[in-house]
N, C-alpha and C. Protein backbone atom coordinates (compact mmCIF):
# COMPACT_ATOMS: atom_id res chain seq x y z
N UNK A 1 0.83 -1.18 0.00
CA UNK A 1 0.00 0.00 0.00
C UNK A 1 0.87 1.25 0.00
N UNK A 2 1.96 1.17 0.77
CA UNK A 2 2.86 2.32 0.83
C UNK A 2 3.52 2.56 -0.53
N UNK A 3 3.86 1.47 -1.23
CA UNK A 3 4.47 1.62 -2.55
C UNK A 3 3.52 2.30 -3.51
N UNK A 4 2.24 1.96 -3.43
CA UNK A 4 1.25 2.57 -4.32
C UNK A 4 1.08 4.05 -4.00
N UNK A 5 1.15 4.40 -2.70
CA UNK A 5 1.04 5.81 -2.32
C UNK A 5 2.24 6.59 -2.84
N UNK A 6 3.43 5.94 -2.83
CA UNK A 6 4.62 6.60 -3.35
C UNK A 6 4.48 6.86 -4.85
N UNK A 7 3.71 6.00 -5.54
CA UNK A 7 3.50 6.19 -6.97
C UNK A 7 2.44 7.24 -7.25
N UNK A 8 1.86 7.79 -6.22
CA UNK A 8 0.92 8.88 -6.39
C UNK A 8 -0.54 8.47 -6.37
N UNK A 9 -0.84 7.25 -5.95
CA UNK A 9 -2.24 6.82 -5.90
C UNK A 9 -2.86 7.21 -4.56
N UNK A 10 -4.12 7.57 -4.61
CA UNK A 10 -4.83 7.94 -3.38
C UNK A 10 -5.36 6.68 -2.70
N UNK A 11 -5.81 6.84 -1.45
CA UNK A 11 -6.38 5.70 -0.71
C UNK A 11 -7.61 5.15 -1.43
N UNK A 12 -8.44 6.03 -2.00
CA UNK A 12 -9.64 5.60 -2.73
C UNK A 12 -9.29 4.75 -3.95
N UNK A 13 -8.26 5.19 -4.67
CA UNK A 13 -7.83 4.43 -5.85
C UNK A 13 -7.27 3.07 -5.45
N UNK A 14 -6.54 3.05 -4.37
CA UNK A 14 -5.96 1.79 -3.89
C UNK A 14 -7.07 0.83 -3.46
N UNK A 15 -8.09 1.36 -2.75
CA UNK A 15 -9.21 0.53 -2.31
C UNK A 15 -9.99 -0.02 -3.51
N UNK A 16 -10.25 0.85 -4.53
CA UNK A 16 -10.96 0.39 -5.72
C UNK A 16 -10.17 -0.69 -6.45
N UNK A 17 -8.86 -0.52 -6.54
CA UNK A 17 -8.02 -1.52 -7.19
C UNK A 17 -8.05 -2.84 -6.43
N UNK A 18 -8.05 -2.74 -5.11
CA UNK A 18 -8.10 -3.93 -4.29
C UNK A 18 -9.45 -4.64 -4.47
N UNK A 19 -10.50 -3.84 -4.51
CA UNK A 19 -11.84 -4.39 -4.71
C UNK A 19 -11.97 -5.04 -6.09
N UNK A 20 -11.42 -4.39 -7.11
CA UNK A 20 -11.46 -4.95 -8.46
C UNK A 20 -10.68 -6.26 -8.53
N UNK A 21 -9.55 -6.31 -7.81
CA UNK A 21 -8.74 -7.52 -7.80
C UNK A 21 -9.53 -8.67 -7.16
N UNK A 22 -10.24 -8.38 -6.08
CA UNK A 22 -11.06 -9.40 -5.44
C UNK A 22 -12.18 -9.87 -6.38
N UNK A 23 -12.79 -8.92 -7.07
CA UNK A 23 -13.84 -9.28 -8.02
C UNK A 23 -13.28 -10.16 -9.14
N UNK A 24 -12.10 -9.79 -9.66
CA UNK A 24 -11.47 -10.58 -10.71
C UNK A 24 -11.16 -11.99 -10.22
N UNK A 25 -10.66 -12.11 -9.00
CA UNK A 25 -10.37 -13.42 -8.43
C UNK A 25 -11.66 -14.26 -8.31
N UNK A 26 -12.76 -13.60 -7.88
CA UNK A 26 -14.03 -14.31 -7.75
C UNK A 26 -14.56 -14.76 -9.12
N UNK A 27 -14.44 -13.89 -10.11
CA UNK A 27 -14.88 -14.23 -11.47
C UNK A 27 -14.06 -15.40 -12.01
N UNK A 28 -12.75 -15.37 -11.79
CA UNK A 28 -11.87 -16.46 -12.23
C UNK A 28 -12.28 -17.77 -11.56
N UNK A 29 -12.59 -17.69 -10.26
CA UNK A 29 -13.04 -18.89 -9.52
C UNK A 29 -14.36 -19.38 -10.08
N UNK A 30 -15.30 -18.46 -10.36
CA UNK A 30 -16.61 -18.83 -10.91
C UNK A 30 -16.46 -19.50 -12.28
N UNK A 31 -15.58 -18.97 -13.11
CA UNK A 31 -15.34 -19.56 -14.44
C UNK A 31 -14.78 -20.96 -14.29
N UNK A 32 -13.85 -21.15 -13.37
CA UNK A 32 -13.27 -22.48 -13.15
C UNK A 32 -14.35 -23.45 -12.67
N UNK A 33 -15.23 -22.97 -11.78
CA UNK A 33 -16.34 -23.82 -11.31
C UNK A 33 -17.28 -24.18 -12.47
N UNK A 34 -17.59 -23.21 -13.32
CA UNK A 34 -18.47 -23.45 -14.48
C UNK A 34 -17.83 -24.46 -15.44
N UNK A 35 -16.54 -24.33 -15.66
CA UNK A 35 -15.85 -25.29 -16.54
C UNK A 35 -15.93 -26.69 -15.96
N UNK A 36 -15.70 -26.80 -14.67
CA UNK A 36 -15.76 -28.11 -14.02
C UNK A 36 -17.17 -28.69 -14.14
N UNK A 37 -18.19 -27.87 -13.88
CA UNK A 37 -19.58 -28.33 -14.00
C UNK A 37 -19.90 -28.74 -15.43
N UNK A 38 -19.42 -27.96 -16.40
CA UNK A 38 -19.66 -28.27 -17.82
C UNK A 38 -19.00 -29.59 -18.18
N UNK A 39 -17.78 -29.81 -17.71
CA UNK A 39 -17.09 -31.06 -18.00
C UNK A 39 -17.84 -32.25 -17.38
N UNK A 40 -18.38 -32.05 -16.20
CA UNK A 40 -19.17 -33.11 -15.56
C UNK A 40 -20.42 -33.39 -16.38
N UNK A 41 -21.12 -32.32 -16.81
CA UNK A 41 -22.33 -32.50 -17.62
C UNK A 41 -22.00 -33.17 -18.95
N UNK A 42 -20.88 -32.78 -19.58
CA UNK A 42 -20.50 -33.41 -20.84
C UNK A 42 -20.20 -34.89 -20.64
N UNK A 43 -19.57 -35.21 -19.51
CA UNK A 43 -19.30 -36.61 -19.20
C UNK A 43 -20.60 -37.39 -19.01
N UNK A 44 -21.58 -36.76 -18.33
CA UNK A 44 -22.89 -37.40 -18.16
C UNK A 44 -23.57 -37.63 -19.50
N UNK A 45 -23.52 -36.63 -20.38
CA UNK A 45 -24.14 -36.75 -21.70
C UNK A 45 -23.46 -37.85 -22.50
N UNK A 46 -22.13 -37.91 -22.41
CA UNK A 46 -21.38 -38.93 -23.14
C UNK A 46 -21.75 -40.32 -22.62
N UNK A 47 -21.87 -40.47 -21.30
CA UNK A 47 -22.25 -41.75 -20.73
C UNK A 47 -23.66 -42.15 -21.16
N UNK A 48 -24.58 -41.16 -21.18
CA UNK A 48 -25.95 -41.44 -21.63
C UNK A 48 -25.97 -41.87 -23.09
N UNK A 49 -25.17 -41.21 -23.92
CA UNK A 49 -25.10 -41.56 -25.34
C UNK A 49 -24.54 -42.98 -25.51
N UNK A 50 -23.51 -43.31 -24.76
CA UNK A 50 -22.94 -44.64 -24.82
C UNK A 50 -23.95 -45.69 -24.35
N UNK A 51 -24.70 -45.35 -23.29
CA UNK A 51 -25.73 -46.25 -22.78
C UNK A 51 -26.83 -46.45 -23.82
N UNK A 52 -27.21 -45.35 -24.49
CA UNK A 52 -28.23 -45.42 -25.54
C UNK A 52 -27.75 -46.32 -26.68
N UNK A 53 -26.51 -46.11 -27.13
CA UNK A 53 -25.97 -46.93 -28.21
C UNK A 53 -25.92 -48.40 -27.80
N UNK A 54 -25.56 -48.66 -26.56
CA UNK A 54 -25.50 -50.03 -26.07
C UNK A 54 -26.90 -50.67 -26.08
N UNK A 55 -27.90 -49.92 -25.63
CA UNK A 55 -29.28 -50.42 -25.64
C UNK A 55 -29.76 -50.65 -27.07
N UNK A 56 -29.41 -49.74 -27.97
CA UNK A 56 -29.80 -49.86 -29.37
C UNK A 56 -29.20 -51.13 -29.96
N UNK A 57 -27.92 -51.39 -29.68
CA UNK A 57 -27.27 -52.59 -30.19
C UNK A 57 -27.93 -53.84 -29.62
N UNK A 58 -28.30 -53.80 -28.33
CA UNK A 58 -28.98 -54.94 -27.71
C UNK A 58 -30.31 -55.21 -28.40
N UNK A 59 -31.06 -54.15 -28.68
CA UNK A 59 -32.36 -54.30 -29.35
C UNK A 59 -32.16 -54.88 -30.74
N UNK A 60 -31.16 -54.39 -31.46
CA UNK A 60 -30.90 -54.90 -32.81
C UNK A 60 -30.50 -56.37 -32.77
N UNK A 61 -29.68 -56.75 -31.78
CA UNK A 61 -29.28 -58.15 -31.65
C UNK A 61 -30.48 -59.03 -31.33
N UNK A 62 -31.34 -58.56 -30.42
CA UNK A 62 -32.54 -59.32 -30.08
C UNK A 62 -33.46 -59.45 -31.29
N UNK A 63 -33.59 -58.38 -32.05
CA UNK A 63 -34.46 -58.40 -33.23
C UNK A 63 -33.94 -59.40 -34.26
N UNK A 64 -32.62 -59.47 -34.42
CA UNK A 64 -32.04 -60.39 -35.38
C UNK A 64 -32.22 -61.84 -34.94
N UNK A 65 -32.27 -62.06 -33.63
CA UNK A 65 -32.36 -63.43 -33.13
C UNK A 65 -33.80 -63.92 -32.98
N UNK A 66 -34.79 -63.04 -33.15
CA UNK A 66 -36.19 -63.46 -33.00
C UNK A 66 -36.58 -64.42 -34.11
N UNK A 67 -37.43 -65.38 -33.74
CA UNK A 67 -37.92 -66.27 -34.78
C UNK A 67 -39.12 -65.62 -35.46
N UNK A 68 -39.48 -66.05 -36.66
CA UNK A 68 -40.54 -65.39 -37.44
C UNK A 68 -41.88 -65.33 -36.72
N UNK A 69 -42.21 -66.35 -35.92
CA UNK A 69 -43.49 -66.34 -35.21
C UNK A 69 -43.56 -65.19 -34.21
N UNK A 70 -42.46 -64.93 -33.50
CA UNK A 70 -42.43 -63.81 -32.56
C UNK A 70 -42.56 -62.49 -33.29
N UNK A 71 -41.91 -62.37 -34.45
CA UNK A 71 -41.99 -61.14 -35.23
C UNK A 71 -43.42 -60.91 -35.70
N UNK A 72 -44.10 -61.97 -36.18
CA UNK A 72 -45.48 -61.84 -36.63
C UNK A 72 -46.41 -61.45 -35.49
N UNK A 73 -46.20 -62.00 -34.30
CA UNK A 73 -47.01 -61.63 -33.15
C UNK A 73 -46.82 -60.15 -32.81
N UNK A 74 -45.58 -59.68 -32.83
CA UNK A 74 -45.30 -58.28 -32.51
C UNK A 74 -45.91 -57.36 -33.56
N UNK A 75 -45.99 -57.82 -34.80
CA UNK A 75 -46.53 -56.98 -35.87
C UNK A 75 -48.01 -56.70 -35.69
N UNK A 76 -48.70 -57.53 -34.90
CA UNK A 76 -50.12 -57.29 -34.67
C UNK A 76 -50.34 -56.04 -33.84
N UNK A 77 -49.36 -55.66 -33.03
CA UNK A 77 -49.46 -54.46 -32.21
C UNK A 77 -48.45 -53.44 -32.72
N UNK A 78 -48.90 -52.37 -33.43
CA UNK A 78 -47.95 -51.43 -34.04
C UNK A 78 -47.06 -50.72 -33.05
N UNK A 79 -47.49 -50.59 -31.79
CA UNK A 79 -46.65 -49.91 -30.80
C UNK A 79 -45.41 -50.74 -30.47
N UNK A 80 -45.46 -52.02 -30.76
CA UNK A 80 -44.34 -52.90 -30.44
C UNK A 80 -43.43 -53.15 -31.62
N UNK A 81 -43.59 -52.37 -32.70
CA UNK A 81 -42.70 -52.56 -33.85
C UNK A 81 -41.27 -52.32 -33.43
N UNK A 82 -40.39 -53.23 -33.82
CA UNK A 82 -38.99 -53.02 -33.48
C UNK A 82 -38.20 -52.68 -34.73
N UNK A 83 -36.90 -52.57 -34.57
CA UNK A 83 -36.04 -52.12 -35.67
C UNK A 83 -36.16 -53.04 -36.88
N UNK A 84 -36.22 -54.35 -36.68
CA UNK A 84 -36.30 -55.28 -37.79
C UNK A 84 -37.58 -55.09 -38.59
N UNK A 85 -38.71 -54.95 -37.89
CA UNK A 85 -39.97 -54.80 -38.59
C UNK A 85 -40.01 -53.49 -39.36
N UNK A 86 -39.48 -52.44 -38.79
CA UNK A 86 -39.45 -51.17 -39.51
C UNK A 86 -38.58 -51.30 -40.76
N UNK A 87 -37.46 -51.99 -40.64
CA UNK A 87 -36.62 -52.14 -41.81
C UNK A 87 -37.30 -53.04 -42.85
N UNK A 88 -38.14 -53.98 -42.39
CA UNK A 88 -38.90 -54.80 -43.33
C UNK A 88 -39.88 -53.94 -44.11
N UNK A 89 -40.54 -53.02 -43.43
CA UNK A 89 -41.46 -52.10 -44.10
C UNK A 89 -40.69 -51.23 -45.07
N UNK A 90 -39.53 -50.75 -44.65
CA UNK A 90 -38.70 -49.93 -45.54
C UNK A 90 -38.25 -50.72 -46.76
N UNK A 91 -37.91 -52.00 -46.55
CA UNK A 91 -37.50 -52.84 -47.68
C UNK A 91 -38.68 -53.03 -48.63
N UNK A 92 -39.84 -53.29 -48.07
CA UNK A 92 -41.05 -53.43 -48.89
C UNK A 92 -41.32 -52.14 -49.67
N UNK A 93 -41.12 -51.01 -48.99
CA UNK A 93 -41.34 -49.72 -49.63
C UNK A 93 -40.32 -49.49 -50.75
N UNK A 94 -39.07 -49.81 -50.48
CA UNK A 94 -38.03 -49.66 -51.52
C UNK A 94 -38.36 -50.51 -52.75
N UNK A 95 -38.83 -51.75 -52.52
CA UNK A 95 -39.20 -52.61 -53.64
C UNK A 95 -40.38 -52.03 -54.42
N UNK A 96 -41.38 -51.51 -53.70
CA UNK A 96 -42.55 -50.92 -54.35
C UNK A 96 -42.16 -49.68 -55.15
N UNK A 97 -41.27 -48.87 -54.58
CA UNK A 97 -40.81 -47.67 -55.30
C UNK A 97 -40.06 -48.07 -56.56
N UNK A 98 -39.23 -49.11 -56.46
CA UNK A 98 -38.50 -49.58 -57.64
C UNK A 98 -39.48 -50.04 -58.72
N UNK A 99 -40.50 -50.81 -58.31
CA UNK A 99 -41.51 -51.28 -59.26
C UNK A 99 -42.26 -50.09 -59.88
N UNK A 100 -42.57 -49.10 -59.06
CA UNK A 100 -43.27 -47.91 -59.56
C UNK A 100 -42.40 -47.18 -60.59
N UNK A 101 -41.13 -47.02 -60.30
CA UNK A 101 -40.23 -46.31 -61.22
C UNK A 101 -40.08 -47.10 -62.52
N UNK A 102 -39.96 -48.44 -62.40
CA UNK A 102 -39.86 -49.27 -63.61
C UNK A 102 -41.12 -49.11 -64.47
N UNK A 103 -42.28 -49.17 -63.84
CA UNK A 103 -43.54 -49.02 -64.57
C UNK A 103 -43.66 -47.61 -65.15
N UNK A 104 -43.21 -46.62 -64.40
CA UNK A 104 -43.24 -45.24 -64.89
C UNK A 104 -42.38 -45.11 -66.14
N UNK A 105 -41.18 -45.67 -66.10
CA UNK A 105 -40.29 -45.59 -67.26
C UNK A 105 -40.88 -46.30 -68.47
N UNK A 106 -41.51 -47.48 -68.26
CA UNK A 106 -42.15 -48.18 -69.36
C UNK A 106 -43.26 -47.32 -69.97
N UNK A 107 -44.11 -46.78 -69.10
CA UNK A 107 -45.23 -45.97 -69.58
C UNK A 107 -44.74 -44.72 -70.28
N UNK A 108 -43.78 -44.08 -69.71
CA UNK A 108 -43.29 -42.82 -70.27
C UNK A 108 -42.61 -43.05 -71.62
N UNK A 109 -41.81 -44.10 -71.71
CA UNK A 109 -41.13 -44.41 -72.98
C UNK A 109 -42.13 -44.83 -74.05
N UNK A 110 -43.17 -45.56 -73.65
CA UNK A 110 -44.15 -46.04 -74.61
C UNK A 110 -44.97 -44.89 -75.19
N UNK A 111 -45.27 -43.88 -74.35
CA UNK A 111 -46.13 -42.79 -74.79
C UNK A 111 -45.34 -41.59 -75.32
N UNK A 112 -44.08 -41.47 -74.95
CA UNK A 112 -43.24 -40.31 -75.29
C UNK A 112 -43.81 -39.01 -74.74
N UNK A 113 -44.81 -39.10 -73.97
CA UNK A 113 -45.35 -37.95 -73.25
C UNK A 113 -46.22 -38.54 -72.16
N UNK A 114 -46.72 -37.71 -71.32
CA UNK A 114 -47.50 -38.25 -70.22
C UNK A 114 -48.94 -37.80 -70.36
N UNK A 115 -49.83 -38.78 -70.42
CA UNK A 115 -51.24 -38.49 -70.57
C UNK A 115 -51.96 -38.64 -69.23
N UNK A 116 -53.00 -37.85 -69.04
CA UNK A 116 -53.81 -37.96 -67.84
C UNK A 116 -55.16 -38.49 -68.29
N UNK A 117 -55.73 -39.49 -67.70
CA UNK A 117 -55.24 -40.19 -66.52
C UNK A 117 -54.09 -41.14 -66.86
N UNK A 118 -53.36 -41.52 -65.86
CA UNK A 118 -52.21 -42.38 -66.09
C UNK A 118 -52.66 -43.81 -66.36
N UNK A 119 -51.77 -44.59 -66.88
CA UNK A 119 -52.06 -45.97 -67.21
C UNK A 119 -52.41 -46.77 -65.95
N UNK A 120 -53.29 -47.76 -66.07
CA UNK A 120 -53.75 -48.53 -64.90
C UNK A 120 -52.61 -49.21 -64.14
N UNK A 121 -51.65 -49.80 -64.86
CA UNK A 121 -50.54 -50.48 -64.16
C UNK A 121 -49.71 -49.49 -63.35
N UNK A 122 -49.49 -48.31 -63.91
CA UNK A 122 -48.72 -47.29 -63.19
C UNK A 122 -49.51 -46.80 -61.98
N UNK A 123 -50.81 -46.63 -62.15
CA UNK A 123 -51.67 -46.21 -61.04
C UNK A 123 -51.66 -47.26 -59.94
N UNK A 124 -51.70 -48.53 -60.32
CA UNK A 124 -51.66 -49.62 -59.35
C UNK A 124 -50.35 -49.62 -58.58
N UNK A 125 -49.22 -49.46 -59.29
CA UNK A 125 -47.92 -49.44 -58.61
C UNK A 125 -47.80 -48.23 -57.68
N UNK A 126 -48.31 -47.09 -58.14
CA UNK A 126 -48.28 -45.89 -57.30
C UNK A 126 -49.15 -46.05 -56.06
N UNK A 127 -50.33 -46.65 -56.24
CA UNK A 127 -51.22 -46.88 -55.09
C UNK A 127 -50.57 -47.85 -54.10
N UNK A 128 -49.83 -48.81 -54.62
CA UNK A 128 -49.12 -49.75 -53.75
C UNK A 128 -48.10 -49.00 -52.90
N UNK A 129 -47.36 -48.08 -53.52
CA UNK A 129 -46.38 -47.28 -52.79
C UNK A 129 -47.08 -46.47 -51.69
N UNK A 130 -48.18 -45.81 -52.05
CA UNK A 130 -48.91 -44.98 -51.09
C UNK A 130 -49.44 -45.83 -49.94
N UNK A 131 -49.98 -46.99 -50.24
CA UNK A 131 -50.51 -47.87 -49.19
C UNK A 131 -49.42 -48.34 -48.24
N UNK A 132 -48.24 -48.58 -48.76
CA UNK A 132 -47.13 -49.00 -47.88
C UNK A 132 -46.72 -47.82 -47.00
N UNK A 133 -46.73 -46.62 -47.56
CA UNK A 133 -46.46 -45.45 -46.71
C UNK A 133 -47.50 -45.37 -45.60
N UNK A 134 -48.76 -45.61 -45.92
CA UNK A 134 -49.82 -45.58 -44.90
C UNK A 134 -49.57 -46.66 -43.85
N UNK A 135 -49.16 -47.84 -44.31
CA UNK A 135 -48.82 -48.93 -43.40
C UNK A 135 -47.68 -48.52 -42.47
N UNK A 136 -46.79 -47.70 -43.01
CA UNK A 136 -45.63 -47.21 -42.24
C UNK A 136 -46.04 -46.08 -41.28
N UNK A 137 -47.23 -45.51 -41.50
CA UNK A 137 -47.69 -44.43 -40.63
C UNK A 137 -47.50 -43.05 -41.24
N UNK A 138 -47.21 -42.98 -42.52
CA UNK A 138 -47.04 -41.70 -43.22
C UNK A 138 -48.27 -41.50 -44.09
N UNK A 139 -49.06 -40.45 -43.79
CA UNK A 139 -50.34 -40.26 -44.46
C UNK A 139 -50.42 -39.01 -45.33
N UNK A 140 -49.67 -37.98 -45.00
CA UNK A 140 -49.75 -36.73 -45.75
C UNK A 140 -48.96 -36.83 -47.05
N UNK A 141 -49.53 -36.27 -48.10
CA UNK A 141 -48.87 -36.31 -49.41
C UNK A 141 -47.50 -35.64 -49.35
N UNK A 142 -47.39 -34.51 -48.65
CA UNK A 142 -46.09 -33.83 -48.58
C UNK A 142 -45.05 -34.70 -47.88
N UNK A 143 -45.46 -35.40 -46.83
CA UNK A 143 -44.52 -36.29 -46.13
C UNK A 143 -44.11 -37.46 -47.03
N UNK A 144 -45.08 -37.99 -47.77
CA UNK A 144 -44.79 -39.08 -48.69
C UNK A 144 -43.80 -38.62 -49.76
N UNK A 145 -44.08 -37.44 -50.34
CA UNK A 145 -43.20 -36.92 -51.39
C UNK A 145 -41.80 -36.63 -50.85
N UNK A 146 -41.71 -36.06 -49.66
CA UNK A 146 -40.40 -35.77 -49.07
C UNK A 146 -39.59 -37.05 -48.88
N UNK A 147 -40.23 -38.08 -48.32
CA UNK A 147 -39.51 -39.33 -48.12
C UNK A 147 -39.18 -39.99 -49.46
N UNK A 148 -40.12 -39.96 -50.39
CA UNK A 148 -39.91 -40.54 -51.73
C UNK A 148 -38.70 -39.90 -52.39
N UNK A 149 -38.63 -38.56 -52.36
CA UNK A 149 -37.51 -37.86 -52.98
C UNK A 149 -36.21 -38.08 -52.22
N UNK A 150 -36.29 -38.29 -50.89
CA UNK A 150 -35.05 -38.57 -50.15
C UNK A 150 -34.50 -39.94 -50.53
N UNK A 151 -35.37 -40.82 -51.01
CA UNK A 151 -34.93 -42.16 -51.42
C UNK A 151 -34.40 -42.19 -52.85
N UNK A 152 -35.01 -41.40 -53.77
CA UNK A 152 -34.60 -41.52 -55.17
C UNK A 152 -34.00 -40.24 -55.73
N UNK A 153 -34.15 -39.12 -55.06
CA UNK A 153 -33.61 -37.86 -55.56
C UNK A 153 -34.70 -37.02 -56.19
N UNK A 154 -34.30 -36.11 -57.04
CA UNK A 154 -35.24 -35.19 -57.68
C UNK A 154 -36.13 -35.97 -58.64
N UNK A 155 -37.42 -35.59 -58.69
CA UNK A 155 -38.34 -36.25 -59.60
C UNK A 155 -38.87 -35.23 -60.61
N UNK A 156 -39.27 -35.74 -61.78
CA UNK A 156 -39.79 -34.87 -62.83
C UNK A 156 -41.27 -34.57 -62.56
N UNK A 157 -41.79 -33.58 -63.25
CA UNK A 157 -43.20 -33.18 -63.06
C UNK A 157 -44.16 -34.32 -63.39
N UNK A 158 -43.83 -35.11 -64.41
CA UNK A 158 -44.69 -36.22 -64.79
C UNK A 158 -44.78 -37.26 -63.69
N UNK A 159 -43.64 -37.54 -63.05
CA UNK A 159 -43.66 -38.51 -61.95
C UNK A 159 -44.41 -37.94 -60.76
N UNK A 160 -44.24 -36.65 -60.52
CA UNK A 160 -44.99 -35.99 -59.44
C UNK A 160 -46.49 -36.12 -59.69
N UNK A 161 -46.91 -35.89 -60.93
CA UNK A 161 -48.33 -36.01 -61.28
C UNK A 161 -48.82 -37.44 -61.08
N UNK A 162 -47.99 -38.41 -61.43
CA UNK A 162 -48.37 -39.82 -61.26
C UNK A 162 -48.52 -40.17 -59.78
N UNK A 163 -47.62 -39.68 -58.95
CA UNK A 163 -47.71 -39.96 -57.52
C UNK A 163 -48.96 -39.29 -56.93
N UNK A 164 -49.23 -38.07 -57.34
CA UNK A 164 -50.43 -37.37 -56.86
C UNK A 164 -51.69 -38.15 -57.23
N UNK A 165 -51.76 -38.62 -58.49
CA UNK A 165 -52.94 -39.38 -58.91
C UNK A 165 -53.06 -40.68 -58.12
N UNK A 166 -51.94 -41.34 -57.90
CA UNK A 166 -51.96 -42.58 -57.13
C UNK A 166 -52.40 -42.30 -55.69
N UNK A 167 -51.94 -41.20 -55.15
CA UNK A 167 -52.33 -40.82 -53.78
C UNK A 167 -53.83 -40.58 -53.72
N UNK A 168 -54.35 -39.81 -54.67
CA UNK A 168 -55.78 -39.51 -54.68
C UNK A 168 -56.61 -40.79 -54.86
N UNK A 169 -56.15 -41.68 -55.72
CA UNK A 169 -56.85 -42.95 -55.92
C UNK A 169 -56.81 -43.78 -54.64
N UNK A 170 -55.69 -43.79 -53.96
CA UNK A 170 -55.56 -44.55 -52.71
C UNK A 170 -56.50 -43.99 -51.65
N UNK A 171 -56.57 -42.67 -51.54
CA UNK A 171 -57.48 -42.04 -50.57
C UNK A 171 -58.92 -42.41 -50.91
N UNK A 172 -59.23 -42.40 -52.19
CA UNK A 172 -60.57 -42.77 -52.64
C UNK A 172 -60.88 -44.21 -52.23
N UNK A 173 -59.94 -45.11 -52.43
CA UNK A 173 -60.14 -46.51 -52.05
C UNK A 173 -60.31 -46.66 -50.54
N UNK A 174 -59.54 -45.91 -49.79
CA UNK A 174 -59.64 -45.97 -48.33
C UNK A 174 -61.01 -45.47 -47.88
N UNK A 175 -61.47 -44.35 -48.46
CA UNK A 175 -62.77 -43.80 -48.08
C UNK A 175 -63.91 -44.75 -48.44
N UNK A 176 -63.77 -45.48 -49.53
CA UNK A 176 -64.80 -46.44 -49.93
C UNK A 176 -64.73 -47.71 -49.10
N UNK A 177 -63.60 -47.91 -48.44
CA UNK A 177 -63.43 -49.12 -47.63
C UNK A 177 -62.96 -50.31 -48.43
N UNK A 178 -62.52 -50.08 -49.65
CA UNK A 178 -62.02 -51.19 -50.47
C UNK A 178 -60.52 -51.05 -50.64
N UNK A 179 -59.80 -51.73 -49.78
CA UNK A 179 -58.35 -51.65 -49.82
C UNK A 179 -57.81 -52.67 -50.80
N UNK A 180 -56.93 -52.28 -51.68
CA UNK A 180 -56.35 -53.27 -52.59
C UNK A 180 -55.41 -54.20 -51.83
N UNK A 181 -55.38 -55.43 -52.26
CA UNK A 181 -54.48 -56.40 -51.64
C UNK A 181 -53.26 -56.53 -52.54
N UNK A 182 -52.11 -56.21 -51.97
CA UNK A 182 -50.87 -56.26 -52.76
C UNK A 182 -50.05 -57.43 -52.34
């Protein structure tokens, strides 16, 4: 304190400097505490993520080891669908989309343009795709189109029109209560 007075500082300035130093020390301590707490939280999150991954792997292993009868029983209750059954629906959907695209290409090449209404076989394949989406729990046309495009990429206007017609036909069949058997 005497050295600071020799440098020309007043008692008030010395007290303020001392107070600021204490505040700085407290802030430094608070930051260190926050870092420690953050590291603990990050460790907890990492452990939870590892636990989640472990549980996910266990579920996948159990699903792979189930016999077909158990899988069929679980399929009766949609809330109990597991990873294998969902991937089965996705596989069925991928196959239906492939069939739809093949039929679309045949129809498009045969006509060299796209006529409305679309050909019956193409409509049937499109309705099959829509029904599988419904089976999967996807009902809105926008959701169907988003997932469809995420699977195959950008689609042309003619294919979009074909999917829309198939969707409308499927909704019509559902409202009438006559579901096609695929």
